[in-house]
Amino acid sequence: MSMDAYPIEVAFPDITMHEHSSSGVAYVHTFDSGTPGPHVMINALTHGNEVCGAIVVDQLLRGGLKPRRGRLTLSFANVAAYGRFDPAKPDAARFVDQDFNRVWTAKVLDDTSLMSSELTRARAMRPVIDSVDLLLDLHSMHEKSKPLIVAGPLQKGIDLSVQVGTPATVICDEGHPEGRRMRDYEGFGDPSNMEKNALLIECGQHWEQSAVAVARDTTARFLLLSGVIDEADLPPDWLAPLPPVQHIVRVTQPVVATSMDFRFAAPYTGLEIFADAGSVIGWSNGEAVVTPYDDCMLVMPSLRQLRPGVTVVRLGKIEQTVTRASTGG
C-alpha cells in the first residue's frame, strides 16, 4: 500500500517538553490525588509511528489534568522510535530493535542477557506499570479500518470493554506467538486478579484524523469509568455517541503467509463478516484460503509487512452481541 492512499492528516506533537517527570522515569508522569482510588495509566507510543495516542497524552499533560481520586499515569512508551519517524518511511518508526509490545513477561524482562532499545525502555517503565491497576494502551493500525478493542482472552477484559462501551468491535485473543503484549503483562493477564485489568484500543489508521477522535473518546470514557476524574475535568467535546451495538469476537486462528505469494480476494479493510464456511478470502501459493466456519470475521488484514511467517489476517467468530437502548454520549 502506497503512502498516497494514507495521507498524514495529523501533526506529530513535540513531546520533548514531557521528558522530565516526578516519577523518575523519562516521559512517564504519575499524579497522586492523595485520595483512595485505583492507579490508572493512559499509555501512548507503544509503537513509534502510532501517533493518535501521543496527541491525546500530550494534550492531557499540557492541559494539566490531575486525578481527583487515586493515581493517574500519563506516559509515552517507545520515545526513541517516535523520534525516528520519517514520512518517507513511516513503518520504520514502529520500533528501533524489536517490537516493544512483545517483551512483556517477567522472564524476558529479568533476562539481562537480552538487550535491545525496547527492552531497556520496558525495564525502565516496569516499576510504574507494576503498580498500575487499570491500563489503557492506545494504538492504531497499518490499514484503514474501523476501530476496535483488543480485550485479551479473559472475561474480565470483555466485561471492561462492555463497560467502556466503545469501539463497537471487541476482539478476544491470546496475543502473539512472538511475545506478550503489555496489556497481558502479569496481573492484567491473570484471571484470578480482578483488581488489575487492561485494554488495548486500535483507534483507526495511523495518520487519519478520525483515529484521534477515537483515542480521545475512549480515553475519556476509560478515565470516567475508573473514577479518577469527573466529566468536568475533561477537555470539551471529547465524548462521542456510543455505538448501538458491540460485537464480542473470539479470534480462533491466524492466517500466516508461507511465502511472498499471498493475495486477498478483495481489498478488505477489516471486520468483514462471511456468512458461510468455505468462503474464499484469498490465495496462498496459488491455493484458496477459506473461512473455517459460518459468520467468520476478518480481523486486521494487512499485506504491508508481507513476508514468510507474518500473520496477514486473523479469523474471528462472533460470540456475543451487546445492544444498548441509548446511544447518547
C-alpha atoms as a PDB file:
ATOM      1  CA  MET A   1       0.000   0.000   0.000  1.00  0.00           C
ATOM      2  CA  SER A   2       1.471   3.345  -1.003  1.00  0.00           C
ATOM      3  CA  MET A   3       1.574   6.351   1.263  1.00  0.00           C
ATOM      4  CA  ASP A   4      -0.588   8.136  -1.324  1.00  0.00           C
ATOM      5  CA  ALA A   5      -3.502   6.041  -0.067  1.00  0.00           C
ATOM      6  CA  TYR A   6      -2.944   7.105   3.534  1.00  0.00           C
ATOM      7  CA  PRO A   7      -2.017  10.774   3.752  1.00  0.00           C
ATOM      8  CA  ILE A   8      -0.724  12.076   7.062  1.00  0.00           C
ATOM      9  CA  GLU A   9      -3.658  14.142   8.325  1.00  0.00           C
ATOM     10  CA  VAL A  10      -2.346  14.977  11.794  1.00  0.00           C
ATOM     11  CA  ALA A  11       0.567  16.915  13.221  1.00  0.00           C
ATOM     12  CA  PHE A  12       3.068  14.925  15.276  1.00  0.00           C
ATOM     13  CA  PRO A  13       3.400  16.739  18.608  1.00  0.00           C
ATOM     14  CA  ASP A  14       6.766  17.753  20.013  1.00  0.00           C
ATOM     15  CA  ILE A  15       6.835  15.770  23.242  1.00  0.00           C
ATOM     16  CA  THR A  16      10.338  16.732  24.379  1.00  0.00           C
ATOM     17  CA  MET A  17       8.859  19.058  26.994  1.00  0.00           C
ATOM     18  CA  HIS A  18       7.486  15.951  28.733  1.00  0.00           C
ATOM     19  CA  GLU A  19      10.830  14.182  29.182  1.00  0.00           C
ATOM     20  CA  HIS A  20      11.400  15.080  32.831  1.00  0.00           C
ATOM     21  CA  SER A  21       8.881  13.773  35.339  1.00  0.00           C
ATOM     22  CA  SER A  22       8.378  13.334  39.062  1.00  0.00           C
ATOM     23  CA  SER A  23       8.103   9.562  38.577  1.00  0.00           C
ATOM     24  CA  GLY A  24      11.817   9.410  37.838  1.00  0.00           C
ATOM     25  CA  VAL A  25      11.119   7.675  34.529  1.00  0.00           C
ATOM     26  CA  ALA A  26      11.507   9.852  31.444  1.00  0.00           C
ATOM     27  CA  TYR A  27       8.219  10.613  29.675  1.00  0.00           C
ATOM     28  CA  VAL A  28       6.180   8.810  32.374  1.00  0.00           C
ATOM     29  CA  HIS A  29       4.151  11.213  34.525  1.00  0.00           C
ATOM     30  CA  THR A  30       2.334  10.000  37.650  1.00  0.00           C
ATOM     31  CA  PHE A  31      -0.018  12.224  39.631  1.00  0.00           C
ATOM     32  CA  ASP A  32      -1.316  11.186  43.070  1.00  0.00           C
ATOM     33  CA  SER A  33      -4.554  12.722  44.324  1.00  0.00           C
ATOM     34  CA  GLY A  34      -3.861  11.712  47.925  1.00  0.00           C
ATOM     35  CA  THR A  35      -7.358  10.208  47.987  1.00  0.00           C
ATOM     36  CA  PRO A  36      -8.037   6.452  47.780  1.00  0.00           C
ATOM     37  CA  GLY A  37      -8.678   5.070  44.335  1.00  0.00           C
ATOM     38  CA  PRO A  38      -7.126   2.986  41.556  1.00  0.00           C
ATOM     39  CA  HIS A  39      -3.877   3.670  39.735  1.00  0.00           C
ATOM     40  CA  VAL A  40      -4.915   4.329  36.133  1.00  0.00           C
ATOM     41  CA  MET A  41      -2.475   4.562  33.225  1.00  0.00           C
ATOM     42  CA  ILE A  42      -3.049   6.005  29.752  1.00  0.00           C
ATOM     43  CA  ASN A  43      -0.155   4.888  27.566  1.00  0.00           C
ATOM     44  CA  ALA A  44       0.839   6.141  24.120  1.00  0.00           C
ATOM     45  CA  LEU A  45       3.573   5.232  21.621  1.00  0.00           C
ATOM     46  CA  THR A  46       3.899   1.540  22.323  1.00  0.00           C
ATOM     47  CA  HIS A  47       4.780   1.770  18.635  1.00  0.00           C
ATOM     48  CA  GLY A  48       6.620   4.866  17.481  1.00  0.00           C
ATOM     49  CA  ASN A  49       4.512   5.548  14.389  1.00  0.00           C
ATOM     50  CA  GLU A  50       1.131   5.304  16.156  1.00  0.00           C
ATOM     51  CA  VAL A  51       0.611   8.979  16.839  1.00  0.00           C
ATOM     52  CA  CYS A  52      -3.040   9.308  17.934  1.00  0.00           C
ATOM     53  CA  GLY A  53      -2.244   8.269  21.497  1.00  0.00           C
ATOM     54  CA  ALA A  54       0.657  10.692  21.670  1.00  0.00           C
ATOM     55  CA  ILE A  55      -1.659  13.529  20.630  1.00  0.00           C
ATOM     56  CA  VAL A  56      -4.084  12.616  23.424  1.00  0.00           C
ATOM     57  CA  VAL A  57      -1.468  12.192  26.166  1.00  0.00           C
ATOM     58  CA  ASP A  58       0.308  15.379  25.070  1.00  0.00           C
ATOM     59  CA  GLN A  59      -2.962  17.301  25.249  1.00  0.00           C
ATOM     60  CA  LEU A  60      -3.809  15.938  28.711  1.00  0.00           C
ATOM     61  CA  LEU A  61      -0.362  16.833  30.049  1.00  0.00           C
ATOM     62  CA  ARG A  62      -0.407  20.304  28.527  1.00  0.00           C
ATOM     63  CA  GLY A  63      -3.913  20.807  29.937  1.00  0.00           C
ATOM     64  CA  GLY A  64      -2.756  19.885  33.430  1.00  0.00           C
ATOM     65  CA  LEU A  65      -5.190  17.018  34.038  1.00  0.00           C
ATOM     66  CA  LYS A  66      -4.908  15.712  37.596  1.00  0.00           C
ATOM     67  CA  PRO A  67      -6.849  12.926  39.311  1.00  0.00           C
ATOM     68  CA  ARG A  68      -9.489  13.665  41.925  1.00  0.00           C
ATOM     69  CA  ARG A  69      -9.193  10.143  43.298  1.00  0.00           C
ATOM     70  CA  GLY A  70      -6.415   7.537  43.114  1.00  0.00           C
ATOM     71  CA  ARG A  71      -3.394   7.982  40.867  1.00  0.00           C
ATOM     72  CA  LEU A  72      -3.105   8.803  37.173  1.00  0.00           C
ATOM     73  CA  THR A  73      -0.114   7.997  34.961  1.00  0.00           C
ATOM     74  CA  LEU A  74       0.208   9.556  31.503  1.00  0.00           C
ATOM     75  CA  SER A  75       3.037   8.028  29.508  1.00  0.00           C
ATOM     76  CA  PHE A  76       4.861   7.853  26.201  1.00  0.00           C
ATOM     77  CA  ALA A  77       6.486   4.439  25.744  1.00  0.00           C
ATOM     78  CA  ASN A  78       8.786   3.999  22.736  1.00  0.00           C
ATOM     79  CA  VAL A  79      10.008   7.568  22.523  1.00  0.00           C
ATOM     80  CA  ALA A  80      13.196   6.525  20.699  1.00  0.00           C
ATOM     81  CA  ALA A  81      11.177   5.030  17.844  1.00  0.00           C
ATOM     82  CA  TYR A  82       8.877   8.068  17.713  1.00  0.00           C
ATOM     83  CA  GLY A  83      11.913  10.316  17.316  1.00  0.00           C
ATOM     84  CA  ARG A  84      12.913   8.393  14.198  1.00  0.00           C
ATOM     85  CA  PHE A  85       9.636   8.978  12.339  1.00  0.00           C
ATOM     86  CA  ASP A  86      10.176   9.808   8.683  1.00  0.00           C
ATOM     87  CA  PRO A  87       7.109  10.391   6.464  1.00  0.00           C
ATOM     88  CA  ALA A  88       9.039   8.802   3.595  1.00  0.00           C
ATOM     89  CA  LYS A  89       9.487   5.576   5.599  1.00  0.00           C
ATOM     90  CA  PRO A  90       6.634   5.657   8.110  1.00  0.00           C
ATOM     91  CA  ASP A  91       6.657   1.971   9.034  1.00  0.00           C
ATOM     92  CA  ALA A  92      10.332   2.096  10.031  1.00  0.00           C
ATOM     93  CA  ALA A  93       9.423   4.029  13.171  1.00  0.00           C
ATOM     94  CA  ARG A  94       7.316   1.201  14.610  1.00  0.00           C
ATOM     95  CA  PHE A  95      10.303   0.190  16.759  1.00  0.00           C
ATOM     96  CA  VAL A  96      14.089   0.528  16.944  1.00  0.00           C
ATOM     97  CA  ASP A  97      15.344  -3.033  17.572  1.00  0.00           C
ATOM     98  CA  GLN A  98      12.271  -5.142  18.352  1.00  0.00           C
ATOM     99  CA  ASP A  99       8.548  -4.778  18.923  1.00  0.00           C
ATOM    100  CA  PHE A 100       8.031  -3.093  22.312  1.00  0.00           C
ATOM    101  CA  ASN A 101       4.691  -4.893  22.568  1.00  0.00           C
ATOM    102  CA  ARG A 102       6.205  -8.400  22.520  1.00  0.00           C
ATOM    103  CA  VAL A 103       8.501  -8.295  25.566  1.00  0.00           C
ATOM    104  CA  TRP A 104       6.054  -8.256  28.483  1.00  0.00           C
ATOM    105  CA  THR A 105       6.826 -11.293  30.601  1.00  0.00           C
ATOM    106  CA  ALA A 106       8.831 -11.291  33.816  1.00  0.00           C
ATOM    107  CA  LYS A 107      11.076 -13.976  32.310  1.00  0.00           C
ATOM    108  CA  VAL A 108      12.044 -11.783  29.351  1.00  0.00           C
ATOM    109  CA  LEU A 109      12.410  -8.602  31.369  1.00  0.00           C
ATOM    110  CA  ASP A 110      14.520 -10.364  34.026  1.00  0.00           C
ATOM    111  CA  ASP A 111      16.870 -11.916  31.476  1.00  0.00           C
ATOM    112  CA  THR A 112      19.744  -9.432  31.352  1.00  0.00           C
ATOM    113  CA  SER A 113      21.404 -11.397  28.553  1.00  0.00           C
ATOM    114  CA  LEU A 114      18.680  -9.999  26.300  1.00  0.00           C
ATOM    115  CA  MET A 115      19.357  -6.434  25.230  1.00  0.00           C
ATOM    116  CA  SER A 116      17.586  -4.003  22.914  1.00  0.00           C
ATOM    117  CA  SER A 117      16.407  -0.418  22.889  1.00  0.00           C
ATOM    118  CA  GLU A 118      12.872  -1.627  23.609  1.00  0.00           C
ATOM    119  CA  LEU A 119      13.894  -3.897  26.488  1.00  0.00           C
ATOM    120  CA  THR A 120      15.837  -1.064  28.096  1.00  0.00           C
ATOM    121  CA  ARG A 121      12.776   1.147  27.907  1.00  0.00           C
ATOM    122  CA  ALA A 122      10.412  -1.586  29.141  1.00  0.00           C
ATOM    123  CA  ARG A 123      12.659  -2.271  32.124  1.00  0.00           C
ATOM    124  CA  ALA A 124      12.695   1.432  32.983  1.00  0.00           C
ATOM    125  CA  MET A 125       8.888   1.632  32.817  1.00  0.00           C
ATOM    126  CA  ARG A 126       8.270  -1.683  34.567  1.00  0.00           C
ATOM    127  CA  PRO A 127       8.241  -0.437  38.201  1.00  0.00           C
ATOM    128  CA  VAL A 128       5.491   2.043  37.323  1.00  0.00           C
ATOM    129  CA  ILE A 129       3.479  -0.485  35.331  1.00  0.00           C
ATOM    130  CA  ASP A 130       3.769  -2.999  38.173  1.00  0.00           C
ATOM    131  CA  SER A 131       1.744  -0.608  40.351  1.00  0.00           C
ATOM    132  CA  VAL A 132      -0.970   0.126  37.747  1.00  0.00           C
ATOM    133  CA  ASP A 133      -4.473  -1.244  38.313  1.00  0.00           C
ATOM    134  CA  LEU A 134      -6.153  -0.172  35.064  1.00  0.00           C
ATOM    135  CA  LEU A 135      -4.219   0.298  31.815  1.00  0.00           C
ATOM    136  CA  LEU A 136      -5.435   1.797  28.547  1.00  0.00           C
ATOM    137  CA  ASP A 137      -2.914   1.292  25.738  1.00  0.00           C
ATOM    138  CA  LEU A 138      -3.632   3.483  22.703  1.00  0.00           C
ATOM    139  CA  HIS A 139      -2.692   2.041  19.295  1.00  0.00           C
ATOM    140  CA  SER A 140      -3.516   2.455  15.614  1.00  0.00           C
ATOM    141  CA  MET A 141      -3.385   0.244  12.520  1.00  0.00           C
ATOM    142  CA  HIS A 142      -1.399  -0.079   9.291  1.00  0.00           C
ATOM    143  CA  GLU A 143      -4.509  -0.236   7.144  1.00  0.00           C
ATOM    144  CA  LYS A 144      -7.607   1.938   7.123  1.00  0.00           C
ATOM    145  CA  SER A 145     -10.094   0.040   9.274  1.00  0.00           C
ATOM    146  CA  LYS A 146     -12.847   0.641  11.772  1.00  0.00           C
ATOM    147  CA  PRO A 147     -11.598   0.951  15.362  1.00  0.00           C
ATOM    148  CA  LEU A 148     -11.681  -1.991  17.749  1.00  0.00           C
ATOM    149  CA  ILE A 149     -10.865  -3.053  21.291  1.00  0.00           C
ATOM    150  CA  VAL A 150      -8.298  -5.776  21.898  1.00  0.00           C
ATOM    151  CA  ALA A 151      -9.614  -7.195  25.170  1.00  0.00           C
ATOM    152  CA  GLY A 152      -7.324 -10.194  25.594  1.00  0.00           C
ATOM    153  CA  PRO A 153      -8.562 -13.731  26.244  1.00  0.00           C
ATOM    154  CA  LEU A 154     -10.189 -13.220  29.659  1.00  0.00           C
ATOM    155  CA  GLN A 155     -13.774 -12.484  30.672  1.00  0.00           C
ATOM    156  CA  LYS A 156     -12.634  -9.546  32.798  1.00  0.00           C
ATOM    157  CA  GLY A 157     -11.293  -7.865  29.646  1.00  0.00           C
ATOM    158  CA  ILE A 158     -14.596  -8.420  27.853  1.00  0.00           C
ATOM    159  CA  ASP A 159     -16.520  -7.027  30.824  1.00  0.00           C
ATOM    160  CA  LEU A 160     -14.356  -3.903  30.941  1.00  0.00           C
ATOM    161  CA  SER A 161     -14.778  -3.410  27.184  1.00  0.00           C
ATOM    162  CA  VAL A 162     -18.562  -3.532  27.518  1.00  0.00           C
ATOM    163  CA  GLN A 163     -18.436  -1.085  30.419  1.00  0.00           C
ATOM    164  CA  VAL A 164     -16.350   1.364  28.370  1.00  0.00           C
ATOM    165  CA  GLY A 165     -18.878   0.851  25.573  1.00  0.00           C
ATOM    166  CA  THR A 166     -16.810   1.752  22.539  1.00  0.00           C
ATOM    167  CA  PRO A 167     -15.438   0.927  19.941  1.00  0.00           C
ATOM    168  CA  ALA A 168     -18.130  -1.326  18.513  1.00  0.00           C
ATOM    169  CA  THR A 169     -15.962  -4.408  17.990  1.00  0.00           C
ATOM    170  CA  VAL A 170     -14.307  -6.241  20.889  1.00  0.00           C
ATOM    171  CA  ILE A 171     -11.591  -8.702  19.892  1.00  0.00           C
ATOM    172  CA  CYS A 172     -10.720 -11.516  22.318  1.00  0.00           C
ATOM    173  CA  ASP A 173      -7.434 -13.243  21.606  1.00  0.00           C
ATOM    174  CA  GLU A 174      -4.422 -14.943  23.149  1.00  0.00           C
ATOM    175  CA  GLY A 175      -1.922 -12.437  21.771  1.00  0.00           C
ATOM    176  CA  HIS A 176       1.062 -13.064  19.538  1.00  0.00           C
ATOM    177  CA  PRO A 177       3.306 -16.149  19.462  1.00  0.00           C
ATOM    178  CA  GLU A 178       6.446 -13.989  19.187  1.00  0.00           C
ATOM    179  CA  GLY A 179       5.910 -12.362  22.586  1.00  0.00           C
ATOM    180  CA  ARG A 180       3.468 -10.980  25.149  1.00  0.00           C
ATOM    181  CA  ARG A 181       1.802  -7.588  24.914  1.00  0.00           C
ATOM    182  CA  MET A 182       1.820  -5.006  27.691  1.00  0.00           C
ATOM    183  CA  ARG A 183      -1.935  -5.406  28.092  1.00  0.00           C
ATOM    184  CA  ASP A 184      -1.388  -9.083  29.020  1.00  0.00           C
ATOM    185  CA  TYR A 185       1.519  -8.441  31.423  1.00  0.00           C
ATOM    186  CA  GLU A 186       1.415 -10.098  34.853  1.00  0.00           C
ATOM    187  CA  GLY A 187      -1.784  -9.160  36.736  1.00  0.00           C
ATOM    188  CA  PHE A 188      -3.512  -7.766  33.659  1.00  0.00           C
ATOM    189  CA  GLY A 189      -3.443 -11.256  32.150  1.00  0.00           C
ATOM    190  CA  ASP A 190      -4.174 -13.158  35.381  1.00  0.00           C
ATOM    191  CA  PRO A 191      -7.794 -14.363  35.567  1.00  0.00           C
ATOM    192  CA  SER A 192      -7.606 -14.568  39.366  1.00  0.00           C
ATOM    193  CA  ASN A 193      -6.501 -10.932  39.731  1.00  0.00           C
ATOM    194  CA  MET A 194      -9.682  -8.888  39.484  1.00  0.00           C
ATOM    195  CA  GLU A 195      -8.007  -5.696  40.702  1.00  0.00           C
ATOM    196  CA  LYS A 196      -5.886  -5.346  37.564  1.00  0.00           C
ATOM    197  CA  ASN A 197      -7.277  -5.029  34.052  1.00  0.00           C
ATOM    198  CA  ALA A 198      -6.184  -3.608  30.718  1.00  0.00           C
ATOM    199  CA  LEU A 199      -7.492  -2.750  27.270  1.00  0.00           C
ATOM    200  CA  LEU A 200      -5.713  -2.030  24.012  1.00  0.00           C
ATOM    201  CA  ILE A 201      -7.570   0.225  21.581  1.00  0.00           C
ATOM    202  CA  GLU A 202      -6.859   0.171  17.851  1.00  0.00           C
ATOM    203  CA  CYS A 203      -8.168   3.638  17.032  1.00  0.00           C
ATOM    204  CA  GLY A 204      -8.022   3.525  13.213  1.00  0.00           C
ATOM    205  CA  GLN A 205      -5.378   4.028  10.545  1.00  0.00           C
ATOM    206  CA  HIS A 206      -2.150   5.518  11.905  1.00  0.00           C
ATOM    207  CA  TRP A 207      -2.344   9.006  10.450  1.00  0.00           C
ATOM    208  CA  GLU A 208      -6.042   9.715   9.987  1.00  0.00           C
ATOM    209  CA  GLN A 209      -7.736  12.467  11.985  1.00  0.00           C
ATOM    210  CA  SER A 210     -10.618  10.189  12.941  1.00  0.00           C
ATOM    211  CA  ALA A 211      -8.214   7.970  14.919  1.00  0.00           C
ATOM    212  CA  VAL A 212      -7.500  10.924  17.207  1.00  0.00           C
ATOM    213  CA  ALA A 213     -11.222  11.357  17.868  1.00  0.00           C
ATOM    214  CA  VAL A 214     -11.491   7.670  18.798  1.00  0.00           C
ATOM    215  CA  ALA A 215      -8.460   7.918  21.084  1.00  0.00           C
ATOM    216  CA  ARG A 216      -9.968  10.955  22.839  1.00  0.00           C
ATOM    217  CA  ASP A 217     -13.381   9.328  23.271  1.00  0.00           C
ATOM    218  CA  THR A 218     -12.078   6.020  24.621  1.00  0.00           C
ATOM    219  CA  THR A 219      -9.584   7.740  26.914  1.00  0.00           C
ATOM    220  CA  ALA A 220     -12.320   9.967  28.310  1.00  0.00           C
ATOM    221  CA  ARG A 221     -14.668   7.040  28.901  1.00  0.00           C
ATOM    222  CA  PHE A 222     -11.914   4.912  30.461  1.00  0.00           C
ATOM    223  CA  LEU A 223     -10.961   7.682  32.883  1.00  0.00           C
ATOM    224  CA  LEU A 224     -14.570   8.376  33.825  1.00  0.00           C
ATOM    225  CA  LEU A 225     -15.316   4.680  34.339  1.00  0.00           C
ATOM    226  CA  SER A 226     -12.274   4.314  36.607  1.00  0.00           C
ATOM    227  CA  GLY A 227     -13.497   7.167  38.790  1.00  0.00           C
ATOM    228  CA  VAL A 228     -10.172   9.025  38.927  1.00  0.00           C
ATOM    229  CA  ILE A 229     -11.678  12.128  37.288  1.00  0.00           C
ATOM    230  CA  ASP A 230     -15.090  13.743  36.756  1.00  0.00           C
ATOM    231  CA  GLU A 231     -16.553  14.707  33.383  1.00  0.00           C
ATOM    232  CA  ALA A 232     -15.948  18.402  34.124  1.00  0.00           C
ATOM    233  CA  ASP A 233     -12.204  17.686  34.173  1.00  0.00           C
ATOM    234  CA  LEU A 234     -12.123  16.553  30.530  1.00  0.00           C
ATOM    235  CA  PRO A 235     -11.351  18.753  27.550  1.00  0.00           C
ATOM    236  CA  PRO A 236     -14.594  19.770  25.831  1.00  0.00           C
ATOM    237  CA  ASP A 237     -16.098  17.624  23.063  1.00  0.00           C
ATOM    238  CA  TRP A 238     -14.016  14.502  23.705  1.00  0.00           C
ATOM    239  CA  LEU A 239     -17.010  12.232  24.288  1.00  0.00           C
ATOM    240  CA  ALA A 240     -18.749  10.835  21.203  1.00  0.00           C
ATOM    241  CA  PRO A 241     -22.044   8.912  20.998  1.00  0.00           C
ATOM    242  CA  LEU A 242     -21.804   5.253  21.947  1.00  0.00           C
ATOM    243  CA  PRO A 243     -22.298   2.663  19.205  1.00  0.00           C
ATOM    244  CA  PRO A 244     -25.742   0.993  19.376  1.00  0.00           C
ATOM    245  CA  VAL A 245     -24.200  -2.496  19.475  1.00  0.00           C
ATOM    246  CA  GLN A 246     -20.908  -4.123  20.359  1.00  0.00           C
ATOM    247  CA  HIS A 247     -19.812  -7.412  18.804  1.00  0.00           C
ATOM    248  CA  ILE A 248     -17.693  -9.677  21.019  1.00  0.00           C
ATOM    249  CA  VAL A 249     -15.441 -11.611  18.642  1.00  0.00           C
ATOM    250  CA  ARG A 250     -13.175 -14.522  19.601  1.00  0.00           C
ATOM    251  CA  VAL A 251     -10.068 -14.909  17.449  1.00  0.00           C
ATOM    252  CA  THR A 252      -9.673 -18.593  16.612  1.00  0.00           C
ATOM    253  CA  GLN A 253      -6.639 -18.682  14.342  1.00  0.00           C
ATOM    254  CA  PRO A 254      -4.212 -16.622  12.288  1.00  0.00           C
ATOM    255  CA  VAL A 255      -3.655 -16.824   8.565  1.00  0.00           C
ATOM    256  CA  VAL A 256       0.125 -16.852   8.169  1.00  0.00           C
ATOM    257  CA  ALA A 257       1.946 -16.202   4.896  1.00  0.00           C
ATOM    258  CA  THR A 258       4.347 -19.008   3.963  1.00  0.00           C
ATOM    259  CA  SER A 259       5.899 -17.014   1.109  1.00  0.00           C
ATOM    260  CA  MET A 260       5.554 -13.708  -0.724  1.00  0.00           C
ATOM    261  CA  ASP A 261       2.863 -15.341  -2.869  1.00  0.00           C
ATOM    262  CA  PHE A 262      -0.214 -14.262  -0.901  1.00  0.00           C
ATOM    263  CA  ARG A 263      -3.105 -12.096  -2.005  1.00  0.00           C
ATOM    264  CA  PHE A 264      -6.557 -11.346  -0.689  1.00  0.00           C
ATOM    265  CA  ALA A 265      -9.666 -11.940  -2.773  1.00  0.00           C
ATOM    266  CA  ALA A 266     -10.767  -8.303  -2.321  1.00  0.00           C
ATOM    267  CA  PRO A 267      -9.428  -5.049  -0.798  1.00  0.00           C
ATOM    268  CA  TYR A 268     -10.500  -5.922   2.731  1.00  0.00           C
ATOM    269  CA  THR A 269     -10.268  -3.246   5.415  1.00  0.00           C
ATOM    270  CA  GLY A 270     -11.128  -5.427   8.404  1.00  0.00           C
ATOM    271  CA  LEU A 271     -14.234  -6.582  10.298  1.00  0.00           C
ATOM    272  CA  GLU A 272     -15.818  -8.064   7.141  1.00  0.00           C
ATOM    273  CA  ILE A 273     -18.166 -10.926   8.073  1.00  0.00           C
ATOM    274  CA  PHE A 274     -18.540 -14.002   5.851  1.00  0.00           C
ATOM    275  CA  ALA A 275     -21.840 -15.773   6.482  1.00  0.00           C
ATOM    276  CA  ASP A 276     -20.855 -19.176   5.102  1.00  0.00           C
ATOM    277  CA  ALA A 277     -17.983 -21.516   5.944  1.00  0.00           C
ATOM    278  CA  GLY A 278     -15.761 -22.201   2.954  1.00  0.00           C
ATOM    279  CA  SER A 279     -15.866 -18.639   1.606  1.00  0.00           C
ATOM    280  CA  VAL A 280     -12.677 -17.786  -0.286  1.00  0.00           C
ATOM    281  CA  ILE A 281     -10.847 -14.842   1.282  1.00  0.00           C
ATOM    282  CA  GLY A 282      -7.535 -15.124  -0.585  1.00  0.00           C
ATOM    283  CA  TRP A 283      -4.873 -17.293  -2.136  1.00  0.00           C
ATOM    284  CA  SER A 284      -1.587 -18.565  -0.725  1.00  0.00           C
ATOM    285  CA  ASN A 285       0.882 -20.084  -3.177  1.00  0.00           C
ATOM    286  CA  GLY A 286      -1.990 -20.430  -5.619  1.00  0.00           C
ATOM    287  CA  GLU A 287      -4.250 -22.318  -3.183  1.00  0.00           C
ATOM    288  CA  ALA A 288      -7.514 -20.885  -1.889  1.00  0.00           C
ATOM    289  CA  VAL A 289      -7.681 -19.688   1.723  1.00  0.00           C
ATOM    290  CA  VAL A 290     -11.224 -20.236   3.030  1.00  0.00           C
ATOM    291  CA  THR A 291     -13.218 -19.387   6.142  1.00  0.00           C
ATOM    292  CA  PRO A 292     -13.424 -22.317   8.585  1.00  0.00           C
ATOM    293  CA  TYR A 293     -16.897 -21.602   9.977  1.00  0.00           C
ATOM    294  CA  ASP A 294     -20.067 -19.566   9.445  1.00  0.00           C
ATOM    295  CA  ASP A 295     -20.116 -15.885  10.475  1.00  0.00           C
ATOM    296  CA  CYS A 296     -16.344 -15.538  10.256  1.00  0.00           C
ATOM    297  CA  MET A 297     -14.889 -12.037  10.750  1.00  0.00           C
ATOM    298  CA  LEU A 298     -11.613 -10.778   9.301  1.00  0.00           C
ATOM    299  CA  VAL A 299      -9.500  -9.046  11.943  1.00  0.00           C
ATOM    300  CA  MET A 300      -6.878  -6.500  10.864  1.00  0.00           C
ATOM    301  CA  PRO A 301      -5.964  -7.803   7.379  1.00  0.00           C
ATOM    302  CA  SER A 302      -2.702  -6.331   6.114  1.00  0.00           C
ATOM    303  CA  LEU A 303      -0.102  -7.145   3.494  1.00  0.00           C
ATOM    304  CA  ARG A 304       2.073  -4.138   4.303  1.00  0.00           C
ATOM    305  CA  GLN A 305       4.656  -6.275   6.126  1.00  0.00           C
ATOM    306  CA  LEU A 306       4.207  -9.381   3.945  1.00  0.00           C
ATOM    307  CA  ARG A 307       6.977 -11.934   4.318  1.00  0.00           C
ATOM    308  CA  PRO A 308       7.111 -15.634   5.220  1.00  0.00           C
ATOM    309  CA  GLY A 309       5.884 -16.215   8.764  1.00  0.00           C
ATOM    310  CA  VAL A 310       3.889 -12.975   9.085  1.00  0.00           C
ATOM    311  CA  THR A 311       0.225 -13.068  10.088  1.00  0.00           C
ATOM    312  CA  VAL A 312      -1.721 -11.396   7.265  1.00  0.00           C
ATOM    313  CA  VAL A 313      -5.136 -11.635   8.940  1.00  0.00           C
ATOM    314  CA  ARG A 314      -6.727 -13.243  11.952  1.00  0.00           C
ATOM    315  CA  LEU A 315     -10.077 -15.042  11.848  1.00  0.00           C
ATOM    316  CA  GLY A 316     -12.719 -14.417  14.480  1.00  0.00           C
ATOM    317  CA  LYS A 317     -16.087 -15.850  15.450  1.00  0.00           C
ATOM    318  CA  ILE A 318     -18.814 -13.588  16.856  1.00  0.00           C
ATOM    319  CA  GLU A 319     -19.608 -14.898  20.338  1.00  0.00           C
ATOM    320  CA  GLN A 320     -21.970 -12.227  21.624  1.00  0.00           C
ATOM    321  CA  THR A 321     -23.718  -9.021  20.573  1.00  0.00           C
ATOM    322  CA  VAL A 322     -24.415  -6.352  23.194  1.00  0.00           C
ATOM    323  CA  THR A 323     -27.249  -3.960  22.337  1.00  0.00           C
ATOM    324  CA  ARG A 324     -27.760  -0.602  24.037  1.00  0.00           C
ATOM    325  CA  ALA A 325     -31.087   1.121  24.494  1.00  0.00           C
ATOM    326  CA  SER A 326     -29.488   4.564  24.168  1.00  0.00           C
ATOM    327  CA  THR A 327     -26.564   5.768  22.041  1.00  0.00           C
ATOM    328  CA  GLY A 328     -26.131   9.110  23.723  1.00  0.00           C
ATOM    329  CA  GLY A 329     -22.702  10.426  24.608  1.00  0.00           C
END
